[in-house]
Amino acid sequence: MQCTGQPYCVDLLEIFHKTTFQTELGQLIDLISAPEDHVDLSKFSLEKLSLIVIYKTTFYSFYLPVALAMLMSPASRCPKSLTPTPASPNPSPQPSLVSSSVPPSQSNISISPPYITALQILIPLGEYFQIQDDFLDFSGLSSEIGKVGTQKPKS
């Protein structure tokens, strides 16, 4: 492994594991909400859609690369940035999502402000990306968007 001996190696492995788990949770929510053999729209809501998008797309496509860079950054290894922050009300609009995304080395302390800030920026960005991607799947021409849409209803 390339990071062996680096102070962030265990944290990198843990954040990959946590992100994989979060992605699997998103897939599970998706499958439970809309099984292919029996569509029941009463099991679906905008809140579930948001959770699916956040857990299936946002964490691994947007938050993971940024969190990895933050963990590997020399600034993150500065003793001041590793000092636990005092417990305070979480400014995040989705505290459960933020707390489930804490860098592994900080999982037993309150969330450090840089990671809260990253999540506050990246979660809405990931949601925006997925909404745009779904819209293009539905309405875009495959010759223009470079992929065959998977969301178009069959008629």
N, C-alpha and C. Protein backbone atom coordinates (compact mmCIF):
# COMPACT_ATOMS: atom_id res chain seq x y z
N MET A 1 0.84 -1.18 0.00
CA MET A 1 0.00 0.00 0.00
C MET A 1 0.89 1.25 0.00
N GLN A 2 0.51 2.24 -0.77
CA GLN A 2 1.34 3.42 -0.97
C GLN A 2 1.43 4.34 0.24
N CYS A 3 0.47 4.29 1.15
CA CYS A 3 0.50 5.24 2.27
C CYS A 3 1.13 4.62 3.53
N THR A 4 1.61 3.38 3.45
CA THR A 4 2.20 2.75 4.62
C THR A 4 3.29 3.64 5.20
N GLY A 5 3.23 3.83 6.50
CA GLY A 5 4.22 4.66 7.17
C GLY A 5 3.83 6.13 7.27
N GLN A 6 2.79 6.52 6.56
CA GLN A 6 2.33 7.91 6.62
C GLN A 6 1.40 8.07 7.83
N PRO A 7 1.40 9.22 8.46
CA PRO A 7 0.57 9.40 9.65
C PRO A 7 -0.94 9.32 9.37
N TYR A 8 -1.33 9.45 8.11
CA TYR A 8 -2.75 9.45 7.76
C TYR A 8 -3.22 8.11 7.20
N CYS A 9 -2.38 7.11 7.12
CA CYS A 9 -2.70 5.85 6.43
C CYS A 9 -3.95 5.17 7.00
N VAL A 10 -4.02 5.00 8.30
CA VAL A 10 -5.17 4.33 8.90
C VAL A 10 -6.43 5.16 8.67
N ASP A 11 -6.33 6.46 8.78
CA ASP A 11 -7.48 7.33 8.54
C ASP A 11 -7.99 7.20 7.11
N LEU A 12 -7.07 7.08 6.14
CA LEU A 12 -7.49 6.91 4.75
C LEU A 12 -8.29 5.62 4.57
N LEU A 13 -7.77 4.54 5.13
CA LEU A 13 -8.47 3.27 5.03
C LEU A 13 -9.84 3.34 5.68
N GLU A 14 -9.90 3.96 6.84
CA GLU A 14 -11.17 4.06 7.56
C GLU A 14 -12.18 4.92 6.82
N ILE A 15 -11.73 6.00 6.21
CA ILE A 15 -12.68 6.86 5.50
C ILE A 15 -13.17 6.16 4.23
N PHE A 16 -12.31 5.36 3.58
CA PHE A 16 -12.77 4.58 2.43
C PHE A 16 -13.81 3.55 2.88
N HIS A 17 -13.57 2.89 3.99
CA HIS A 17 -14.53 1.91 4.50
C HIS A 17 -15.86 2.58 4.87
N LYS A 18 -15.77 3.71 5.55
CA LYS A 18 -16.99 4.42 5.96
C LYS A 18 -17.77 4.90 4.73
N THR A 19 -17.07 5.40 3.73
CA THR A 19 -17.73 5.88 2.52
C THR A 19 -18.36 4.72 1.74
N THR A 20 -17.68 3.59 1.71
CA THR A 20 -18.26 2.41 1.05
C THR A 20 -19.54 2.01 1.76
N PHE A 21 -19.53 2.00 3.08
CA PHE A 21 -20.72 1.67 3.86
C PHE A 21 -21.85 2.66 3.59
N GLN A 22 -21.52 3.95 3.55
CA GLN A 22 -22.54 4.97 3.28
C GLN A 22 -23.16 4.77 1.90
N THR A 23 -22.33 4.43 0.92
CA THR A 23 -22.82 4.18 -0.43
C THR A 23 -23.75 2.97 -0.45
N GLU A 24 -23.38 1.93 0.30
CA GLU A 24 -24.24 0.74 0.38
C GLU A 24 -25.57 1.08 1.06
N LEU A 25 -25.55 1.95 2.06
CA LEU A 25 -26.80 2.39 2.68
C LEU A 25 -27.69 3.10 1.67
N GLY A 26 -27.10 3.96 0.86
CA GLY A 26 -27.87 4.65 -0.17
C GLY A 26 -28.49 3.69 -1.16
N GLN A 27 -27.72 2.68 -1.54
CA GLN A 27 -28.24 1.67 -2.46
C GLN A 27 -29.39 0.91 -1.82
N LEU A 28 -29.25 0.58 -0.54
CA LEU A 28 -30.30 -0.13 0.17
C LEU A 28 -31.58 0.71 0.25
N ILE A 29 -31.45 1.98 0.60
CA ILE A 29 -32.61 2.87 0.65
C ILE A 29 -33.29 2.92 -0.72
N ASP A 30 -32.48 2.99 -1.77
CA ASP A 30 -33.00 3.03 -3.13
C ASP A 30 -33.78 1.76 -3.44
N LEU A 31 -33.20 0.61 -3.15
CA LEU A 31 -33.86 -0.65 -3.47
C LEU A 31 -35.12 -0.88 -2.65
N ILE A 32 -35.10 -0.48 -1.40
CA ILE A 32 -36.27 -0.65 -0.54
C ILE A 32 -37.39 0.30 -0.97
N SER A 33 -37.03 1.50 -1.38
CA SER A 33 -38.02 2.51 -1.75
C SER A 33 -38.69 2.22 -3.08
N ALA A 34 -37.98 1.60 -3.99
CA ALA A 34 -38.54 1.39 -5.33
C ALA A 34 -38.08 0.05 -5.90
N PRO A 35 -38.58 -1.05 -5.36
CA PRO A 35 -38.22 -2.34 -5.95
C PRO A 35 -38.71 -2.42 -7.40
N GLU A 36 -37.91 -3.01 -8.26
CA GLU A 36 -38.24 -3.04 -9.68
C GLU A 36 -39.48 -3.86 -9.99
N ASP A 37 -39.77 -4.89 -9.18
CA ASP A 37 -40.88 -5.77 -9.47
C ASP A 37 -42.24 -5.25 -8.96
N HIS A 38 -42.20 -4.26 -8.06
CA HIS A 38 -43.46 -3.71 -7.53
C HIS A 38 -43.25 -2.25 -7.14
N VAL A 39 -43.68 -1.35 -7.98
CA VAL A 39 -43.53 0.08 -7.71
C VAL A 39 -44.66 0.52 -6.79
N ASP A 40 -44.27 1.05 -5.63
CA ASP A 40 -45.24 1.55 -4.65
C ASP A 40 -44.80 2.96 -4.27
N LEU A 41 -45.41 3.94 -4.90
CA LEU A 41 -44.99 5.33 -4.68
C LEU A 41 -45.24 5.82 -3.27
N SER A 42 -46.05 5.11 -2.50
CA SER A 42 -46.27 5.52 -1.10
C SER A 42 -45.00 5.31 -0.26
N LYS A 43 -44.08 4.51 -0.74
CA LYS A 43 -42.81 4.29 -0.03
C LYS A 43 -41.75 5.31 -0.43
N PHE A 44 -42.10 6.19 -1.34
CA PHE A 44 -41.12 7.14 -1.87
C PHE A 44 -41.50 8.55 -1.47
N SER A 45 -40.50 9.37 -1.16
CA SER A 45 -40.72 10.77 -0.81
C SER A 45 -39.50 11.57 -1.23
N LEU A 46 -39.63 12.88 -1.22
CA LEU A 46 -38.48 13.73 -1.53
C LEU A 46 -37.37 13.57 -0.50
N GLU A 47 -37.76 13.31 0.75
CA GLU A 47 -36.76 13.08 1.80
C GLU A 47 -35.95 11.81 1.50
N LYS A 48 -36.62 10.76 1.08
CA LYS A 48 -35.90 9.52 0.72
C LYS A 48 -35.03 9.74 -0.49
N LEU A 49 -35.54 10.49 -1.47
CA LEU A 49 -34.74 10.80 -2.65
C LEU A 49 -33.47 11.53 -2.25
N SER A 50 -33.60 12.50 -1.35
CA SER A 50 -32.44 13.24 -0.88
C SER A 50 -31.43 12.32 -0.19
N LEU A 51 -31.92 11.41 0.66
CA LEU A 51 -31.02 10.46 1.32
C LEU A 51 -30.33 9.56 0.31
N ILE A 52 -31.07 9.09 -0.68
CA ILE A 52 -30.48 8.22 -1.70
C ILE A 52 -29.37 8.97 -2.43
N VAL A 53 -29.65 10.18 -2.84
CA VAL A 53 -28.66 10.98 -3.56
C VAL A 53 -27.44 11.25 -2.70
N ILE A 54 -27.66 11.65 -1.46
CA ILE A 54 -26.54 11.97 -0.58
C ILE A 54 -25.69 10.73 -0.33
N TYR A 55 -26.33 9.63 0.00
CA TYR A 55 -25.56 8.44 0.35
C TYR A 55 -25.01 7.69 -0.85
N LYS A 56 -25.72 7.68 -1.99
CA LYS A 56 -25.22 6.95 -3.15
C LYS A 56 -24.23 7.76 -3.99
N THR A 57 -24.35 9.06 -3.98
CA THR A 57 -23.53 9.87 -4.88
C THR A 57 -22.64 10.88 -4.16
N THR A 58 -23.22 11.67 -3.29
CA THR A 58 -22.51 12.80 -2.72
C THR A 58 -21.29 12.41 -1.89
N PHE A 59 -21.44 11.42 -1.02
CA PHE A 59 -20.31 11.08 -0.15
C PHE A 59 -19.11 10.59 -0.94
N TYR A 60 -19.30 9.66 -1.89
CA TYR A 60 -18.12 9.13 -2.58
C TYR A 60 -17.66 10.00 -3.74
N SER A 61 -18.56 10.73 -4.39
CA SER A 61 -18.15 11.54 -5.54
C SER A 61 -17.66 12.93 -5.17
N PHE A 62 -18.18 13.48 -4.08
CA PHE A 62 -17.84 14.85 -3.73
C PHE A 62 -17.07 14.94 -2.41
N TYR A 63 -17.63 14.37 -1.34
CA TYR A 63 -16.99 14.51 -0.04
C TYR A 63 -15.70 13.69 0.07
N LEU A 64 -15.70 12.44 -0.38
CA LEU A 64 -14.54 11.57 -0.22
C LEU A 64 -13.25 12.18 -0.79
N PRO A 65 -13.24 12.65 -2.04
CA PRO A 65 -11.97 13.21 -2.55
C PRO A 65 -11.47 14.41 -1.74
N VAL A 66 -12.40 15.24 -1.30
CA VAL A 66 -12.01 16.42 -0.52
C VAL A 66 -11.51 16.00 0.87
N ALA A 67 -12.23 15.09 1.51
CA ALA A 67 -11.82 14.62 2.85
C ALA A 67 -10.47 13.93 2.78
N LEU A 68 -10.22 13.15 1.72
CA LEU A 68 -8.92 12.50 1.57
C LEU A 68 -7.80 13.53 1.42
N ALA A 69 -8.06 14.54 0.61
CA ALA A 69 -7.06 15.60 0.45
C ALA A 69 -6.81 16.33 1.77
N MET A 70 -7.89 16.56 2.52
CA MET A 70 -7.75 17.23 3.81
C MET A 70 -6.93 16.37 4.77
N LEU A 71 -7.19 15.06 4.77
CA LEU A 71 -6.45 14.17 5.67
C LEU A 71 -4.97 14.10 5.29
N MET A 72 -4.69 14.13 4.00
CA MET A 72 -3.31 13.99 3.54
C MET A 72 -2.53 15.31 3.55
N SER A 73 -3.24 16.40 3.70
CA SER A 73 -2.60 17.71 3.68
C SER A 73 -1.67 17.89 4.87
N PRO A 74 -0.51 18.46 4.65
CA PRO A 74 0.38 18.74 5.78
C PRO A 74 -0.28 19.61 6.85
N ALA A 75 -1.21 20.48 6.44
CA ALA A 75 -1.90 21.34 7.41
C ALA A 75 -2.74 20.52 8.37
N SER A 76 -3.27 19.37 7.91
CA SER A 76 -4.11 18.56 8.79
C SER A 76 -3.28 17.84 9.85
N ARG A 77 -1.98 17.75 9.63
CA ARG A 77 -1.12 17.08 10.61
C ARG A 77 -0.52 18.04 11.62
N CYS A 78 -0.85 19.32 11.47
CA CYS A 78 -0.41 20.32 12.44
C CYS A 78 -1.12 20.06 13.76
N PRO A 79 -0.40 20.02 14.88
CA PRO A 79 -1.04 19.72 16.17
C PRO A 79 -2.26 20.58 16.47
N LYS A 80 -2.25 21.85 16.07
CA LYS A 80 -3.38 22.72 16.35
C LYS A 80 -4.65 22.22 15.66
N SER A 81 -4.53 21.73 14.41
CA SER A 81 -5.73 21.29 13.70
C SER A 81 -6.24 19.95 14.20
N LEU A 82 -5.43 19.21 14.92
CA LEU A 82 -5.86 17.91 15.44
C LEU A 82 -6.43 18.02 16.84
N THR A 83 -6.37 19.20 17.42
CA THR A 83 -6.91 19.39 18.76
C THR A 83 -8.42 19.29 18.71
N PRO A 84 -9.02 18.49 19.60
CA PRO A 84 -10.48 18.39 19.59
C PRO A 84 -11.13 19.75 19.81
N THR A 85 -12.19 19.99 19.09
CA THR A 85 -12.91 21.24 19.27
C THR A 85 -13.92 21.05 20.39
N PRO A 86 -14.21 22.08 21.14
CA PRO A 86 -15.20 21.94 22.21
C PRO A 86 -16.57 21.60 21.63
N ALA A 87 -17.31 20.79 22.35
CA ALA A 87 -18.65 20.43 21.89
C ALA A 87 -19.50 21.69 21.84
N SER A 88 -20.19 21.85 20.74
CA SER A 88 -21.07 23.00 20.58
C SER A 88 -22.21 22.60 19.66
N PRO A 89 -23.26 23.39 19.62
CA PRO A 89 -24.34 23.06 18.69
C PRO A 89 -23.81 22.96 17.27
N ASN A 90 -24.22 21.96 16.56
CA ASN A 90 -23.75 21.73 15.21
C ASN A 90 -24.43 22.70 14.25
N PRO A 91 -23.65 23.52 13.52
CA PRO A 91 -24.25 24.47 12.62
C PRO A 91 -24.77 23.84 11.33
N SER A 92 -24.51 22.57 11.11
CA SER A 92 -24.92 21.92 9.88
C SER A 92 -26.43 21.77 9.82
N PRO A 93 -27.00 21.93 8.63
CA PRO A 93 -28.44 21.75 8.51
C PRO A 93 -28.85 20.28 8.62
N GLN A 94 -27.90 19.36 8.48
CA GLN A 94 -28.20 17.94 8.56
C GLN A 94 -27.19 17.29 9.50
N PRO A 95 -27.33 17.47 10.83
CA PRO A 95 -26.33 16.99 11.76
C PRO A 95 -26.08 15.49 11.69
N SER A 96 -27.11 14.70 11.42
CA SER A 96 -26.88 13.26 11.37
C SER A 96 -25.97 12.90 10.21
N LEU A 97 -26.09 13.61 9.09
CA LEU A 97 -25.21 13.34 7.96
C LEU A 97 -23.80 13.79 8.25
N VAL A 98 -23.67 14.93 8.90
CA VAL A 98 -22.34 15.42 9.23
C VAL A 98 -21.67 14.49 10.23
N SER A 99 -22.37 14.09 11.28
CA SER A 99 -21.75 13.25 12.29
C SER A 99 -21.38 11.89 11.75
N SER A 100 -22.09 11.41 10.73
CA SER A 100 -21.75 10.10 10.17
C SER A 100 -20.58 10.21 9.20
N SER A 101 -20.11 11.42 8.94
CA SER A 101 -19.04 11.62 7.97
C SER A 101 -17.78 12.19 8.59
N VAL A 102 -17.67 12.11 9.88
CA VAL A 102 -16.51 12.65 10.56
C VAL A 102 -15.27 11.89 10.11
N PRO A 103 -14.17 12.58 9.88
CA PRO A 103 -12.94 11.85 9.58
C PRO A 103 -12.70 10.82 10.69
N PRO A 104 -12.29 9.62 10.31
CA PRO A 104 -12.20 8.53 11.29
C PRO A 104 -11.38 8.85 12.52
N SER A 105 -10.29 9.57 12.38
CA SER A 105 -9.45 9.84 13.54
C SER A 105 -10.13 10.77 14.53
N GLN A 106 -11.22 11.40 14.11
CA GLN A 106 -11.91 12.33 14.98
C GLN A 106 -13.28 11.81 15.39
N SER A 107 -13.52 10.52 15.20
CA SER A 107 -14.86 9.99 15.44
C SER A 107 -15.26 10.01 16.91
N ASN A 108 -14.32 10.12 17.83
CA ASN A 108 -14.65 10.15 19.25
C ASN A 108 -14.67 11.55 19.82
N ILE A 109 -14.50 12.55 18.97
CA ILE A 109 -14.53 13.94 19.43
C ILE A 109 -15.51 14.71 18.56
N SER A 110 -15.77 15.93 18.93
CA SER A 110 -16.70 16.70 18.11
C SER A 110 -16.06 16.97 16.74
N ILE A 111 -16.89 17.26 15.77
CA ILE A 111 -16.44 17.42 14.40
C ILE A 111 -15.66 18.71 14.25
N SER A 112 -14.51 18.63 13.59
CA SER A 112 -13.71 19.83 13.42
C SER A 112 -14.35 20.73 12.36
N PRO A 113 -14.27 22.02 12.53
CA PRO A 113 -14.91 22.97 11.62
C PRO A 113 -14.57 22.79 10.14
N PRO A 114 -13.33 22.46 9.76
CA PRO A 114 -13.09 22.31 8.32
C PRO A 114 -13.93 21.21 7.66
N TYR A 115 -14.16 20.12 8.39
CA TYR A 115 -14.95 19.03 7.82
C TYR A 115 -16.43 19.39 7.78
N ILE A 116 -16.90 20.12 8.76
CA ILE A 116 -18.28 20.61 8.74
C ILE A 116 -18.47 21.52 7.54
N THR A 117 -17.53 22.42 7.35
CA THR A 117 -17.61 23.34 6.22
C THR A 117 -17.61 22.58 4.90
N ALA A 118 -16.73 21.59 4.79
CA ALA A 118 -16.67 20.79 3.56
C ALA A 118 -18.01 20.12 3.30
N LEU A 119 -18.60 19.52 4.33
CA LEU A 119 -19.89 18.86 4.15
C LEU A 119 -21.00 19.85 3.80
N GLN A 120 -20.98 21.02 4.42
CA GLN A 120 -22.02 22.02 4.14
C GLN A 120 -21.95 22.50 2.68
N ILE A 121 -20.77 22.47 2.10
CA ILE A 121 -20.61 22.86 0.70
C ILE A 121 -20.87 21.69 -0.23
N LEU A 122 -20.32 20.53 0.09
CA LEU A 122 -20.31 19.40 -0.84
C LEU A 122 -21.61 18.62 -0.90
N ILE A 123 -22.36 18.55 0.18
CA ILE A 123 -23.64 17.83 0.13
C ILE A 123 -24.61 18.52 -0.84
N PRO A 124 -24.84 19.83 -0.72
CA PRO A 124 -25.73 20.48 -1.71
C PRO A 124 -25.16 20.41 -3.14
N LEU A 125 -23.85 20.50 -3.28
CA LEU A 125 -23.24 20.41 -4.60
C LEU A 125 -23.50 19.04 -5.22
N GLY A 126 -23.36 17.98 -4.42
CA GLY A 126 -23.63 16.63 -4.91
C GLY A 126 -25.09 16.44 -5.27
N GLU A 127 -25.99 17.01 -4.45
CA GLU A 127 -27.41 16.93 -4.77
C GLU A 127 -27.71 17.65 -6.09
N TYR A 128 -27.14 18.82 -6.26
CA TYR A 128 -27.33 19.58 -7.50
C TYR A 128 -26.84 18.78 -8.69
N PHE A 129 -25.66 18.19 -8.56
CA PHE A 129 -25.10 17.38 -9.64
C PHE A 129 -26.05 16.24 -10.01
N GLN A 130 -26.57 15.52 -9.01
CA GLN A 130 -27.42 14.37 -9.29
C GLN A 130 -28.74 14.78 -9.92
N ILE A 131 -29.31 15.89 -9.47
CA ILE A 131 -30.54 16.39 -10.08
C ILE A 131 -30.30 16.72 -11.55
N GLN A 132 -29.20 17.40 -11.83
CA GLN A 132 -28.87 17.75 -13.20
C GLN A 132 -28.63 16.49 -14.04
N ASP A 133 -27.92 15.51 -13.47
CA ASP A 133 -27.63 14.27 -14.17
C ASP A 133 -28.92 13.51 -14.49
N ASP A 134 -29.83 13.44 -13.52
CA ASP A 134 -31.11 12.76 -13.74
C ASP A 134 -31.94 13.47 -14.81
N PHE A 135 -31.92 14.81 -14.78
CA PHE A 135 -32.66 15.57 -15.79
C PHE A 135 -32.10 15.29 -17.18
N LEU A 136 -30.77 15.27 -17.29
CA LEU A 136 -30.16 14.98 -18.59
C LEU A 136 -30.45 13.56 -19.04
N ASP A 137 -30.45 12.61 -18.11
CA ASP A 137 -30.82 11.23 -18.44
C ASP A 137 -32.22 11.19 -19.04
N PHE A 138 -33.12 11.96 -18.47
CA PHE A 138 -34.51 11.95 -18.90
C PHE A 138 -34.71 12.69 -20.22
N SER A 139 -34.12 13.87 -20.34
CA SER A 139 -34.45 14.73 -21.46
C SER A 139 -33.36 14.88 -22.51
N GLY A 140 -32.14 14.50 -22.19
CA GLY A 140 -31.04 14.71 -23.11
C GLY A 140 -30.94 13.65 -24.19
N LEU A 141 -30.36 14.01 -25.29
CA LEU A 141 -30.11 13.06 -26.36
C LEU A 141 -28.78 12.37 -26.07
N SER A 142 -28.75 11.06 -26.22
CA SER A 142 -27.52 10.33 -25.90
C SER A 142 -26.35 10.82 -26.75
N SER A 143 -26.61 11.28 -27.96
CA SER A 143 -25.54 11.80 -28.81
C SER A 143 -24.97 13.11 -28.27
N GLU A 144 -25.76 13.84 -27.48
CA GLU A 144 -25.31 15.11 -26.92
C GLU A 144 -24.70 14.97 -25.54
N ILE A 145 -25.26 14.06 -24.71
CA ILE A 145 -24.76 13.95 -23.34
C ILE A 145 -23.72 12.85 -23.16
N GLY A 146 -23.52 12.03 -24.19
CA GLY A 146 -22.46 11.02 -24.15
C GLY A 146 -22.80 9.75 -23.40
N LYS A 147 -24.06 9.55 -23.07
CA LYS A 147 -24.46 8.32 -22.41
C LYS A 147 -25.92 8.05 -22.72
N VAL A 148 -26.30 6.81 -22.57
CA VAL A 148 -27.69 6.44 -22.78
C VAL A 148 -28.43 6.64 -21.47
N GLY A 149 -29.49 7.43 -21.49
CA GLY A 149 -30.26 7.72 -20.27
C GLY A 149 -30.86 6.46 -19.70
N THR A 150 -30.86 6.37 -18.38
CA THR A 150 -31.42 5.21 -17.70
C THR A 150 -32.74 5.53 -17.03
N GLN A 151 -33.15 6.78 -17.05
CA GLN A 151 -34.35 7.19 -16.31
C GLN A 151 -35.57 7.35 -17.21
N LYS A 152 -35.41 7.22 -18.52
CA LYS A 152 -36.54 7.45 -19.42
C LYS A 152 -37.57 6.35 -19.26
N PRO A 153 -38.84 6.75 -19.14
CA PRO A 153 -39.88 5.73 -19.06
C PRO A 153 -40.03 5.02 -20.41
N LYS A 154 -40.29 3.74 -20.37
CA LYS A 154 -40.48 2.96 -21.58
C LYS A 154 -41.94 3.09 -22.01
N SER A 155 -42.15 3.40 -23.30
CA SER A 155 -43.53 3.53 -23.77
C SER A 155 -43.82 2.55 -24.89
